[in-house]
Amino acid sequence: MPEWKKPLPTISGETKPFWDACRQGNLLIQRCGSCQEYQFYPRGICANCWCEDIQWVTASGRGTVWTFTETRQNRTPGFEEEIPYVLALVELEEGVKMFTNIIECDPKEVKIGMAVEVTFVQANQQVSIPYFKPAA
């Protein structure tokens, strides 16, 4: 495993189940037990109906590129070594959107509407980061 130089996420009470699942290779999102709406990023209440009956569910891990940008300049350690890279907003099949990087393809191949699937990059022993790659 190469040395991870990027900042690591802050793992709080609300986000711990998400990061624990990522470490196991699973992508979790939340679903309201009352209105059945999915949501991401993790919150303690439903962003739609304000109900506190929030459940963690396993996402399909499949989605499409909703929008993206190809980053060619970033002097921040950890990012500088990966230029050029793609920062994207991916819409999951469940309807939520996640900011992520598209990896395992040439940045010039990324297109809006492109089918992608989740993959995980191990940052250290405790944290795996979800990224997306072109769907098989």
Protein backbone atom coordinates (compact mmCIF):
# COMPACT_ATOMS: atom_id res chain seq x y z
CA MET A 1 0.00 0.00 0.00
CA PRO A 2 1.55 3.33 -1.05
CA GLU A 3 1.78 6.08 1.56
CA TRP A 4 -1.44 8.11 1.79
CA LYS A 5 -0.65 11.85 1.68
CA LYS A 6 -4.13 13.35 1.33
CA PRO A 7 -6.19 14.57 4.29
CA LEU A 8 -8.22 11.86 5.98
CA PRO A 9 -11.92 12.25 6.72
CA THR A 10 -13.11 13.26 10.15
CA ILE A 11 -15.06 10.29 11.49
CA SER A 12 -17.87 11.41 13.81
CA GLY A 13 -20.79 9.61 15.41
CA GLU A 14 -23.04 10.27 12.41
CA THR A 15 -20.46 9.18 9.82
CA LYS A 16 -18.87 6.22 11.64
CA PRO A 17 -21.21 3.55 10.15
CA PHE A 18 -20.42 4.89 6.66
CA TRP A 19 -16.64 4.70 7.17
CA ASP A 20 -16.84 1.31 8.92
CA ALA A 21 -18.72 -0.06 5.90
CA CYS A 22 -16.22 1.47 3.45
CA ARG A 23 -13.44 -0.34 5.29
CA GLN A 24 -15.37 -3.57 4.59
CA GLY A 25 -15.87 -2.68 0.91
CA ASN A 26 -19.53 -1.65 1.21
CA LEU A 27 -21.12 1.67 0.28
CA LEU A 28 -23.83 2.75 2.71
CA ILE A 29 -26.34 5.55 2.34
CA GLN A 30 -29.22 6.53 4.58
CA ARG A 31 -32.94 5.97 4.07
CA CYS A 32 -35.74 7.50 6.09
CA GLY A 33 -38.00 4.97 7.76
CA SER A 34 -40.91 7.40 7.52
CA CYS A 35 -40.87 8.95 4.03
CA GLN A 36 -38.54 6.32 2.45
CA GLU A 37 -36.29 9.00 0.87
CA TYR A 38 -32.59 8.20 0.45
CA GLN A 39 -30.00 10.73 1.52
CA PHE A 40 -26.28 11.29 1.41
CA TYR A 41 -24.24 12.76 3.22
CA PRO A 42 -24.90 11.13 6.63
CA ARG A 43 -27.16 13.10 8.99
CA GLY A 44 -28.98 12.43 12.23
CA ILE A 45 -32.37 13.36 10.75
CA CYS A 46 -34.13 13.07 7.41
CA ALA A 47 -33.41 16.09 5.20
CA ASN A 48 -36.82 15.61 3.56
CA CYS A 49 -39.31 15.19 6.45
CA TRP A 50 -37.12 15.85 9.53
CA CYS A 51 -37.92 12.43 10.97
CA GLU A 52 -35.29 10.82 13.22
CA ASP A 53 -36.01 7.28 11.92
CA ILE A 54 -32.88 7.06 9.77
CA GLN A 55 -31.65 3.66 8.59
CA TRP A 56 -28.39 2.69 6.93
CA VAL A 57 -28.82 0.68 3.71
CA THR A 58 -26.31 -0.79 1.31
CA ALA A 59 -26.24 1.16 -1.94
CA SER A 60 -25.94 -0.60 -5.28
CA GLY A 61 -22.59 1.12 -5.85
CA ARG A 62 -23.63 1.89 -9.43
CA GLY A 63 -24.33 5.30 -10.86
CA THR A 64 -23.66 7.82 -13.59
CA VAL A 65 -21.44 10.85 -13.86
CA TRP A 66 -23.76 13.83 -13.33
CA THR A 67 -21.03 16.45 -13.84
CA PHE A 68 -17.24 16.58 -13.56
CA THR A 69 -14.10 18.63 -13.95
CA GLU A 70 -10.59 17.60 -14.88
CA THR A 71 -8.16 19.07 -12.37
CA ARG A 72 -4.78 20.03 -13.84
CA GLN A 73 -3.42 22.23 -11.04
CA ASN A 74 -3.30 21.48 -7.35
CA ARG A 75 -0.17 22.02 -5.26
CA THR A 76 -1.63 20.34 -2.18
CA PRO A 77 0.47 17.33 -1.10
CA GLY A 78 -1.23 14.09 -2.09
CA PHE A 79 -3.20 15.71 -4.89
CA GLU A 80 -0.26 17.24 -6.74
CA GLU A 81 1.13 13.76 -7.48
CA GLU A 82 -2.11 12.64 -9.15
CA ILE A 83 -2.60 15.49 -11.65
CA PRO A 84 -4.53 15.33 -13.89
CA TYR A 85 -7.47 13.80 -12.00
CA VAL A 86 -11.23 13.93 -12.28
CA LEU A 87 -13.48 15.36 -9.57
CA ALA A 88 -17.06 14.29 -10.27
CA LEU A 89 -20.55 14.41 -8.90
CA VAL A 90 -21.93 10.89 -9.32
CA GLU A 91 -25.65 10.17 -9.11
CA LEU A 92 -26.24 6.73 -7.61
CA GLU A 93 -29.06 4.48 -8.81
CA GLU A 94 -30.81 5.33 -5.53
CA GLY A 95 -30.95 9.01 -6.58
CA VAL A 96 -28.42 10.57 -4.21
CA LYS A 97 -25.34 12.37 -5.47
CA MET A 98 -21.79 11.96 -4.14
CA PHE A 99 -18.66 13.99 -4.82
CA THR A 100 -15.83 11.63 -5.70
CA ASN A 101 -12.90 11.02 -8.01
CA ILE A 102 -13.15 8.92 -11.15
CA ILE A 103 -10.17 6.59 -11.30
CA GLU A 104 -8.83 3.74 -13.44
CA CYS A 105 -9.38 5.58 -16.71
CA ASP A 106 -7.90 8.42 -18.72
CA PRO A 107 -9.51 11.71 -17.59
CA LYS A 108 -10.30 12.47 -21.24
CA GLU A 109 -12.57 9.38 -21.37
CA VAL A 110 -14.91 10.68 -18.64
CA LYS A 111 -18.26 11.92 -19.96
CA ILE A 112 -21.51 13.16 -18.42
CA GLY A 113 -23.86 10.17 -18.24
CA MET A 114 -20.99 7.67 -18.11
CA ALA A 115 -21.83 4.52 -16.13
CA VAL A 116 -19.58 4.09 -13.09
CA GLU A 117 -19.27 1.76 -10.11
CA VAL A 118 -17.77 2.18 -6.68
CA THR A 119 -14.30 0.95 -5.78
CA PHE A 120 -12.39 1.49 -2.57
CA VAL A 121 -8.85 2.76 -2.01
CA GLN A 122 -7.28 1.91 1.32
CA ALA A 123 -5.80 5.05 2.87
CA ASN A 124 -4.52 3.34 6.02
CA GLN A 125 -5.50 0.47 8.31
CA GLN A 126 -8.65 2.28 9.51
CA VAL A 127 -9.90 4.18 6.45
CA SER A 128 -10.90 3.17 2.92
CA ILE A 129 -12.08 5.90 0.57
CA PRO A 130 -14.86 5.29 -1.96
CA TYR A 131 -13.96 6.27 -5.51
CA PHE A 132 -15.70 5.44 -8.76
CA LYS A 133 -14.40 3.79 -11.92
CA PRO A 134 -15.96 3.05 -15.31
CA ALA A 135 -18.58 0.30 -14.98
CA ALA A 136 -17.55 -3.12 -16.24
